[in-house]
Structure formats: C-alpha cells, structure tokens
Amino acid sequence: MTVPISIMLVEDHVGYREVVDHAISLEPAFELISQFGTAEIALRSLQKPGPASTPNLILLDLNLPGMSGLEAIPWIKEYSPKSEIIVLTQSDKESDVLNAIAQGASGYLLKSATVKQIKEAIHTVKGGGASLDPSVARFILDRLKSRPVTEKPEKALSHRELEILTLLAEGLVKKVIAEKLEISVTTVAYHVKHIYEKLDVMNAPAAINRAHRMGLLSND
C-alpha cells in the first residue's frame, strides 16, 4: 500500500483553507495532517518530535498575520529540512517569487490555481521536480530576458550537468531525466547535487533562475 503524501497547510483565510482541505481529502495519495492560521503556530508544531507532526510537504501562504510566509521559510527549513514547500498565495510580485525560491521553496502557485494544478504541483515537487504558476513563470522569464548577464558560476558546469539542468528547466523529474539520458536515478541525483553546489542554490527553481541569469540556459 502506497503511503500518502502528508501535507501541512498554513493559511489564515478560513474559507480558502476549507476549499484546499476538501480537495486534498478527495485525493487518496494525499493526507492533510495539520492546518494552521499563522506561521508562528505552524513552526511550533514543526519543533515537536515525532513523525506525526512532520509533513512531507507544506502549502504556505505568504500574507499571514504576524510572521509572513517569507519570514517563515528559513525557520521551516531549519526545523523540518525534509519538508518540501509550495507557496500558495495571491502575490505575484517578482520580489516575493524570487525570495521564496531563493530561501528554499520548491514551488510557487497563485491562489487562482485550479485544484488540479495544485494536485499536480504536489506530485511534481514530491517527485523531485519544481512547480511554478504558468503566469509567474512567464513573468520571471520576461524579466530575465531583459536583464544583462552579470553572474558567472564559480565552477563551470560539465556537459552532463548542463544537460540535466536543461531538462530540469523543462519541468522533468529525476526519474524521467534518468530514462531520457539512459542513466540511473542515483546518477542524476549525484549530478543535481553538484549543480546546486556549483550554482550555490538550494533547489531546482533557484538553480534554473540563476542559470538563466548566468546565460547558461536559453530563454526560448
């Protein structure tokens, strides 16, 4: 029997929280183990020992009373480093998107996303991929196109690392990349780890974002 993906929801709007709760309850592959209206209470929960309070994935709003979602991300990464984070918010501000990704979020969705898009994002992120709202991704790409290339990696990426980074940018997960390149998933994970180290980032969205700024990836 497949173990469901355990999810924590941090959202202060009760009505929206109920919508997400209902959507998750209809998906056998998901289990909503906790939901909170503030980041402070969510963080206290993550500090408690025991697997029951440790989610595989956290759906995090940014505009929260008290501590914001952006302020909470570094603390989440400290208290629960294995929990993936998908930001689910109304904000499409470039600074919010880039800051969330830089601090460790693996996905960024707007609240206009459909239930299907949210479910697909959860599966994608848990599969080792990254998920960006289509409008946010287009917005970031347009901004990146207008920026001069000012950064260079401290260590050059190998041909294989560039191949894998390009496939990550296309939204492919490690398993699919391994099949496409006819190598093992372990080998892909090894290369991804080195990509992150060379680009000095924490996850795939941040790697893709920085690679575009460095001119390592095509903007087409």
C-alpha atoms as a PDB file:
ATOM      1  CA  MET A   1       0.000   0.000   0.000  1.00  0.00           C
ATOM      2  CA  THR A   2       1.370   3.399  -1.002  1.00  0.00           C
ATOM      3  CA  VAL A   3       1.916   5.795   1.886  1.00  0.00           C
ATOM      4  CA  PRO A   4       0.080   9.078   1.209  1.00  0.00           C
ATOM      5  CA  ILE A   5       1.955  12.364   0.985  1.00  0.00           C
ATOM      6  CA  SER A   6       1.474  14.102   4.336  1.00  0.00           C
ATOM      7  CA  ILE A   7       0.648  17.794   3.984  1.00  0.00           C
ATOM      8  CA  MET A   8       0.582  20.814   6.295  1.00  0.00           C
ATOM      9  CA  LEU A   9      -1.472  23.825   5.253  1.00  0.00           C
ATOM     10  CA  VAL A  10      -0.537  27.277   6.580  1.00  0.00           C
ATOM     11  CA  GLU A  11      -3.293  29.674   5.528  1.00  0.00           C
ATOM     12  CA  ASP A  12      -5.154  32.326   7.530  1.00  0.00           C
ATOM     13  CA  HIS A  13      -8.249  32.559   5.300  1.00  0.00           C
ATOM     14  CA  VAL A  14     -10.704  30.036   6.742  1.00  0.00           C
ATOM     15  CA  GLY A  15     -12.788  29.762   3.569  1.00  0.00           C
ATOM     16  CA  TYR A  16      -9.805  29.029   1.334  1.00  0.00           C
ATOM     17  CA  ARG A  17      -8.419  26.626   3.912  1.00  0.00           C
ATOM     18  CA  GLU A  18     -11.682  24.656   3.753  1.00  0.00           C
ATOM     19  CA  VAL A  19     -11.504  24.513  -0.046  1.00  0.00           C
ATOM     20  CA  VAL A  20      -7.966  23.106  -0.008  1.00  0.00           C
ATOM     21  CA  ASP A  21      -8.868  20.727   2.839  1.00  0.00           C
ATOM     22  CA  HIS A  22     -11.802  19.352   0.831  1.00  0.00           C
ATOM     23  CA  ALA A  23      -9.716  18.977  -2.332  1.00  0.00           C
ATOM     24  CA  ILE A  24      -6.972  17.080  -0.507  1.00  0.00           C
ATOM     25  CA  SER A  25      -9.489  14.803   1.238  1.00  0.00           C
ATOM     26  CA  LEU A  26     -10.707  13.615  -2.170  1.00  0.00           C
ATOM     27  CA  GLU A  27      -7.193  12.550  -3.234  1.00  0.00           C
ATOM     28  CA  PRO A  28      -6.148   9.145  -1.777  1.00  0.00           C
ATOM     29  CA  ALA A  29      -2.479   9.943  -2.424  1.00  0.00           C
ATOM     30  CA  PHE A  30      -2.637  12.948  -0.052  1.00  0.00           C
ATOM     31  CA  GLU A  31      -3.252  13.328   3.667  1.00  0.00           C
ATOM     32  CA  LEU A  32      -3.731  16.702   5.334  1.00  0.00           C
ATOM     33  CA  ILE A  33      -2.184  16.095   8.755  1.00  0.00           C
ATOM     34  CA  SER A  34      -2.353  19.673  10.058  1.00  0.00           C
ATOM     35  CA  GLN A  35      -3.509  23.175   9.208  1.00  0.00           C
ATOM     36  CA  PHE A  36      -2.703  26.487  10.860  1.00  0.00           C
ATOM     37  CA  GLY A  37      -3.712  30.114  10.506  1.00  0.00           C
ATOM     38  CA  THR A  38      -0.351  31.596  11.487  1.00  0.00           C
ATOM     39  CA  ALA A  39       3.287  30.811  10.777  1.00  0.00           C
ATOM     40  CA  GLU A  40       4.199  31.009  14.452  1.00  0.00           C
ATOM     41  CA  ILE A  41       1.858  28.173  15.458  1.00  0.00           C
ATOM     42  CA  ALA A  42       2.931  26.088  12.444  1.00  0.00           C
ATOM     43  CA  LEU A  43       6.589  26.481  13.430  1.00  0.00           C
ATOM     44  CA  ARG A  44       5.854  25.406  16.996  1.00  0.00           C
ATOM     45  CA  SER A  45       4.254  22.271  15.578  1.00  0.00           C
ATOM     46  CA  LEU A  46       7.351  21.520  13.492  1.00  0.00           C
ATOM     47  CA  GLN A  47       9.527  21.764  16.590  1.00  0.00           C
ATOM     48  CA  LYS A  48       7.636  18.880  18.214  1.00  0.00           C
ATOM     49  CA  PRO A  49       9.336  15.472  17.913  1.00  0.00           C
ATOM     50  CA  GLY A  50       7.616  12.601  16.161  1.00  0.00           C
ATOM     51  CA  PRO A  51       6.664  11.755  12.550  1.00  0.00           C
ATOM     52  CA  ALA A  52       3.015  12.673  13.091  1.00  0.00           C
ATOM     53  CA  SER A  53       3.881  16.383  13.188  1.00  0.00           C
ATOM     54  CA  THR A  54       6.405  16.304  10.329  1.00  0.00           C
ATOM     55  CA  PRO A  55       4.787  16.779   6.908  1.00  0.00           C
ATOM     56  CA  ASN A  56       6.292  15.675   3.602  1.00  0.00           C
ATOM     57  CA  LEU A  57       5.096  18.940   2.094  1.00  0.00           C
ATOM     58  CA  ILE A  58       3.881  22.335   3.297  1.00  0.00           C
ATOM     59  CA  LEU A  59       1.430  24.556   1.415  1.00  0.00           C
ATOM     60  CA  LEU A  60       2.361  28.039   2.627  1.00  0.00           C
ATOM     61  CA  ASP A  61       0.609  31.368   2.216  1.00  0.00           C
ATOM     62  CA  LEU A  62       2.847  34.454   2.258  1.00  0.00           C
ATOM     63  CA  ASN A  63       0.402  37.059   3.549  1.00  0.00           C
ATOM     64  CA  LEU A  64      -0.099  35.802   7.091  1.00  0.00           C
ATOM     65  CA  PRO A  65      -0.865  37.744  10.283  1.00  0.00           C
ATOM     66  CA  GLY A  66       2.255  38.237  12.358  1.00  0.00           C
ATOM     67  CA  MET A  67       5.219  36.445  10.795  1.00  0.00           C
ATOM     68  CA  SER A  68       4.939  36.349   6.991  1.00  0.00           C
ATOM     69  CA  GLY A  69       5.360  33.203   4.936  1.00  0.00           C
ATOM     70  CA  LEU A  70       8.631  34.560   3.542  1.00  0.00           C
ATOM     71  CA  GLU A  71       9.982  35.095   7.039  1.00  0.00           C
ATOM     72  CA  ALA A  72       8.883  31.583   7.991  1.00  0.00           C
ATOM     73  CA  ILE A  73      10.619  29.704   5.164  1.00  0.00           C
ATOM     74  CA  PRO A  74      14.154  29.749   6.688  1.00  0.00           C
ATOM     75  CA  TRP A  75      12.724  28.558  10.019  1.00  0.00           C
ATOM     76  CA  ILE A  76      10.777  25.776   8.317  1.00  0.00           C
ATOM     77  CA  LYS A  77      13.983  24.671   6.612  1.00  0.00           C
ATOM     78  CA  GLU A  78      15.758  24.652   9.966  1.00  0.00           C
ATOM     79  CA  TYR A  79      13.067  22.807  11.924  1.00  0.00           C
ATOM     80  CA  SER A  80      11.929  20.438   9.167  1.00  0.00           C
ATOM     81  CA  PRO A  81      14.594  20.287   6.420  1.00  0.00           C
ATOM     82  CA  LYS A  82      12.990  17.317   4.650  1.00  0.00           C
ATOM     83  CA  SER A  83       9.630  19.068   4.215  1.00  0.00           C
ATOM     84  CA  GLU A  84       9.149  20.484   0.713  1.00  0.00           C
ATOM     85  CA  ILE A  85       7.466  23.897   0.478  1.00  0.00           C
ATOM     86  CA  ILE A  86       4.966  25.073  -2.121  1.00  0.00           C
ATOM     87  CA  VAL A  87       3.989  28.717  -1.755  1.00  0.00           C
ATOM     88  CA  LEU A  88       0.253  29.185  -2.374  1.00  0.00           C
ATOM     89  CA  THR A  89      -0.529  32.883  -2.344  1.00  0.00           C
ATOM     90  CA  GLN A  90      -2.161  35.844  -4.064  1.00  0.00           C
ATOM     91  CA  SER A  91       1.138  37.674  -4.516  1.00  0.00           C
ATOM     92  CA  ASP A  92       2.685  37.636  -7.978  1.00  0.00           C
ATOM     93  CA  LYS A  93       5.348  40.213  -7.033  1.00  0.00           C
ATOM     94  CA  GLU A  94       8.700  39.353  -8.565  1.00  0.00           C
ATOM     95  CA  SER A  95      10.485  40.002  -5.256  1.00  0.00           C
ATOM     96  CA  ASP A  96       8.198  37.559  -3.406  1.00  0.00           C
ATOM     97  CA  VAL A  97       8.667  34.849  -6.037  1.00  0.00           C
ATOM     98  CA  LEU A  98      12.445  35.151  -6.202  1.00  0.00           C
ATOM     99  CA  ASN A  99      12.867  35.448  -2.435  1.00  0.00           C
ATOM    100  CA  ALA A 100      10.657  32.411  -1.779  1.00  0.00           C
ATOM    101  CA  ILE A 101      12.597  30.313  -4.283  1.00  0.00           C
ATOM    102  CA  ALA A 102      15.981  31.536  -3.068  1.00  0.00           C
ATOM    103  CA  GLN A 103      15.084  30.620   0.501  1.00  0.00           C
ATOM    104  CA  GLY A 104      14.077  27.081  -0.382  1.00  0.00           C
ATOM    105  CA  ALA A 105      10.524  26.899  -1.776  1.00  0.00           C
ATOM    106  CA  SER A 106      10.210  24.184  -4.434  1.00  0.00           C
ATOM    107  CA  GLY A 107       7.013  25.570  -5.919  1.00  0.00           C
ATOM    108  CA  TYR A 108       5.100  28.829  -6.282  1.00  0.00           C
ATOM    109  CA  LEU A 109       1.389  28.883  -7.129  1.00  0.00           C
ATOM    110  CA  LEU A 110      -1.132  31.681  -7.144  1.00  0.00           C
ATOM    111  CA  LYS A 111      -4.476  31.165  -5.430  1.00  0.00           C
ATOM    112  CA  SER A 112      -6.104  31.383  -8.845  1.00  0.00           C
ATOM    113  CA  ALA A 113      -4.626  27.916  -9.499  1.00  0.00           C
ATOM    114  CA  THR A 114      -7.178  25.155 -10.012  1.00  0.00           C
ATOM    115  CA  VAL A 115      -7.460  22.168  -7.696  1.00  0.00           C
ATOM    116  CA  LYS A 116      -5.972  20.065 -10.496  1.00  0.00           C
ATOM    117  CA  GLN A 117      -2.948  22.394 -10.766  1.00  0.00           C
ATOM    118  CA  ILE A 118      -2.375  22.262  -7.006  1.00  0.00           C
ATOM    119  CA  LYS A 119      -2.516  18.456  -7.023  1.00  0.00           C
ATOM    120  CA  GLU A 120      -0.147  18.255  -9.999  1.00  0.00           C
ATOM    121  CA  ALA A 121       2.257  20.655  -8.264  1.00  0.00           C
ATOM    122  CA  ILE A 122       2.323  18.470  -5.147  1.00  0.00           C
ATOM    123  CA  HIS A 123       3.076  15.353  -7.191  1.00  0.00           C
ATOM    124  CA  THR A 124       5.734  17.201  -9.226  1.00  0.00           C
ATOM    125  CA  VAL A 125       7.554  18.588  -6.192  1.00  0.00           C
ATOM    126  CA  LYS A 126       7.469  15.287  -4.315  1.00  0.00           C
ATOM    127  CA  GLY A 127       8.817  13.613  -7.449  1.00  0.00           C
ATOM    128  CA  GLY A 128      11.908  15.817  -7.294  1.00  0.00           C
ATOM    129  CA  GLY A 129      10.727  18.483  -9.702  1.00  0.00           C
ATOM    130  CA  ALA A 130       9.716  22.121  -9.373  1.00  0.00           C
ATOM    131  CA  SER A 131       6.396  23.813  -9.949  1.00  0.00           C
ATOM    132  CA  LEU A 132       5.745  27.427 -10.894  1.00  0.00           C
ATOM    133  CA  ASP A 133       2.419  29.015 -11.723  1.00  0.00           C
ATOM    134  CA  PRO A 134       2.373  29.498 -15.532  1.00  0.00           C
ATOM    135  CA  SER A 135       1.810  33.254 -15.277  1.00  0.00           C
ATOM    136  CA  VAL A 136       4.576  33.595 -12.684  1.00  0.00           C
ATOM    137  CA  ALA A 137       6.991  31.548 -14.798  1.00  0.00           C
ATOM    138  CA  ARG A 138       6.234  33.687 -17.863  1.00  0.00           C
ATOM    139  CA  PHE A 139       6.665  36.868 -15.827  1.00  0.00           C
ATOM    140  CA  ILE A 140      10.032  35.774 -14.461  1.00  0.00           C
ATOM    141  CA  LEU A 141      11.246  34.660 -17.875  1.00  0.00           C
ATOM    142  CA  ASP A 142      10.299  38.002 -19.437  1.00  0.00           C
ATOM    143  CA  ARG A 143      12.195  39.839 -16.705  1.00  0.00           C
ATOM    144  CA  LEU A 144      15.223  37.574 -17.104  1.00  0.00           C
ATOM    145  CA  LYS A 145      15.317  38.271 -20.841  1.00  0.00           C
ATOM    146  CA  SER A 146      15.638  41.995 -20.184  1.00  0.00           C
ATOM    147  CA  ARG A 147      18.458  41.635 -17.665  1.00  0.00           C
ATOM    148  CA  PRO A 148      22.115  41.723 -18.634  1.00  0.00           C
ATOM    149  CA  VAL A 149      24.152  38.657 -17.786  1.00  0.00           C
ATOM    150  CA  THR A 150      26.256  39.722 -14.832  1.00  0.00           C
ATOM    151  CA  GLU A 151      26.939  36.481 -12.972  1.00  0.00           C
ATOM    152  CA  LYS A 152      29.261  33.608 -13.670  1.00  0.00           C
ATOM    153  CA  PRO A 153      29.424  30.306 -11.785  1.00  0.00           C
ATOM    154  CA  GLU A 154      32.493  29.846  -9.608  1.00  0.00           C
ATOM    155  CA  LYS A 155      32.910  26.375 -11.127  1.00  0.00           C
ATOM    156  CA  ALA A 156      31.917  25.550 -14.688  1.00  0.00           C
ATOM    157  CA  LEU A 157      29.146  23.018 -15.187  1.00  0.00           C
ATOM    158  CA  SER A 158      30.041  19.882 -17.104  1.00  0.00           C
ATOM    159  CA  HIS A 159      28.271  18.944 -20.335  1.00  0.00           C
ATOM    160  CA  ARG A 160      26.225  16.324 -18.478  1.00  0.00           C
ATOM    161  CA  GLU A 161      25.306  18.798 -15.735  1.00  0.00           C
ATOM    162  CA  LEU A 162      24.113  21.293 -18.345  1.00  0.00           C
ATOM    163  CA  GLU A 163      22.044  18.541 -19.985  1.00  0.00           C
ATOM    164  CA  ILE A 164      20.377  17.705 -16.690  1.00  0.00           C
ATOM    165  CA  LEU A 165      19.868  21.364 -15.754  1.00  0.00           C
ATOM    166  CA  THR A 166      18.182  21.984 -19.116  1.00  0.00           C
ATOM    167  CA  LEU A 167      15.818  19.049 -18.525  1.00  0.00           C
ATOM    168  CA  LEU A 168      15.064  20.300 -15.013  1.00  0.00           C
ATOM    169  CA  ALA A 169      14.166  23.650 -16.572  1.00  0.00           C
ATOM    170  CA  GLU A 170      11.703  21.820 -18.798  1.00  0.00           C
ATOM    171  CA  GLY A 171       9.944  20.568 -15.672  1.00  0.00           C
ATOM    172  CA  LEU A 172      11.127  16.958 -15.821  1.00  0.00           C
ATOM    173  CA  VAL A 173      11.610  14.981 -12.603  1.00  0.00           C
ATOM    174  CA  LYS A 174      14.733  12.948 -11.845  1.00  0.00           C
ATOM    175  CA  LYS A 175      13.190   9.618 -12.841  1.00  0.00           C
ATOM    176  CA  VAL A 176      12.164  10.907 -16.282  1.00  0.00           C
ATOM    177  CA  ILE A 177      15.551  12.586 -16.767  1.00  0.00           C
ATOM    178  CA  ALA A 178      17.264   9.283 -15.945  1.00  0.00           C
ATOM    179  CA  GLU A 179      15.145   7.453 -18.535  1.00  0.00           C
ATOM    180  CA  LYS A 180      15.731  10.130 -21.156  1.00  0.00           C
ATOM    181  CA  LEU A 181      19.512  10.116 -20.679  1.00  0.00           C
ATOM    182  CA  GLU A 182      19.645   6.340 -20.095  1.00  0.00           C
ATOM    183  CA  ILE A 183      21.380   6.664 -16.739  1.00  0.00           C
ATOM    184  CA  SER A 184      20.331   5.747 -13.203  1.00  0.00           C
ATOM    185  CA  VAL A 185      18.248   7.991 -10.934  1.00  0.00           C
ATOM    186  CA  THR A 186      21.136   7.853  -8.461  1.00  0.00           C
ATOM    187  CA  THR A 187      23.473   9.277 -11.092  1.00  0.00           C
ATOM    188  CA  VAL A 188      21.002  12.057 -11.875  1.00  0.00           C
ATOM    189  CA  ALA A 189      20.729  12.885  -8.160  1.00  0.00           C
ATOM    190  CA  TYR A 190      24.540  12.959  -7.927  1.00  0.00           C
ATOM    191  CA  HIS A 191      24.771  15.455 -10.801  1.00  0.00           C
ATOM    192  CA  VAL A 192      21.899  17.573  -9.428  1.00  0.00           C
ATOM    193  CA  LYS A 193      23.695  17.814  -6.076  1.00  0.00           C
ATOM    194  CA  HIS A 194      26.818  19.127  -7.823  1.00  0.00           C
ATOM    195  CA  ILE A 195      24.762  21.571  -9.894  1.00  0.00           C
ATOM    196  CA  TYR A 196      23.308  23.025  -6.701  1.00  0.00           C
ATOM    197  CA  GLU A 197      26.765  23.277  -5.139  1.00  0.00           C
ATOM    198  CA  LYS A 198      28.303  24.983  -8.181  1.00  0.00           C
ATOM    199  CA  LEU A 199      25.434  27.462  -8.530  1.00  0.00           C
ATOM    200  CA  ASP A 200      25.233  27.945  -4.739  1.00  0.00           C
ATOM    201  CA  VAL A 201      21.479  27.272  -4.567  1.00  0.00           C
ATOM    202  CA  MET A 202      19.187  25.032  -2.538  1.00  0.00           C
ATOM    203  CA  ASN A 203      16.720  23.638  -5.074  1.00  0.00           C
ATOM    204  CA  ALA A 204      15.728  23.272  -8.718  1.00  0.00           C
ATOM    205  CA  PRO A 205      13.746  26.550  -9.145  1.00  0.00           C
ATOM    206  CA  ALA A 206      16.638  28.545  -7.708  1.00  0.00           C
ATOM    207  CA  ALA A 207      19.109  26.687  -9.930  1.00  0.00           C
ATOM    208  CA  ILE A 208      17.025  27.372 -13.040  1.00  0.00           C
ATOM    209  CA  ASN A 209      16.571  31.021 -12.083  1.00  0.00           C
ATOM    210  CA  ARG A 210      20.295  31.546 -11.514  1.00  0.00           C
ATOM    211  CA  ALA A 211      21.260  29.597 -14.628  1.00  0.00           C
ATOM    212  CA  HIS A 212      19.084  31.925 -16.729  1.00  0.00           C
ATOM    213  CA  ARG A 213      20.744  34.977 -15.153  1.00  0.00           C
ATOM    214  CA  MET A 214      24.155  33.493 -15.915  1.00  0.00           C
ATOM    215  CA  GLY A 215      23.197  32.822 -19.506  1.00  0.00           C
ATOM    216  CA  LEU A 216      23.619  29.049 -19.087  1.00  0.00           C
ATOM    217  CA  LEU A 217      20.104  28.324 -20.357  1.00  0.00           C
ATOM    218  CA  SER A 218      18.269  29.551 -23.400  1.00  0.00           C
ATOM    219  CA  ASN A 219      15.328  31.881 -22.728  1.00  0.00           C
ATOM    220  CA  ASP A 220      13.377  30.469 -25.666  1.00  0.00           C
END
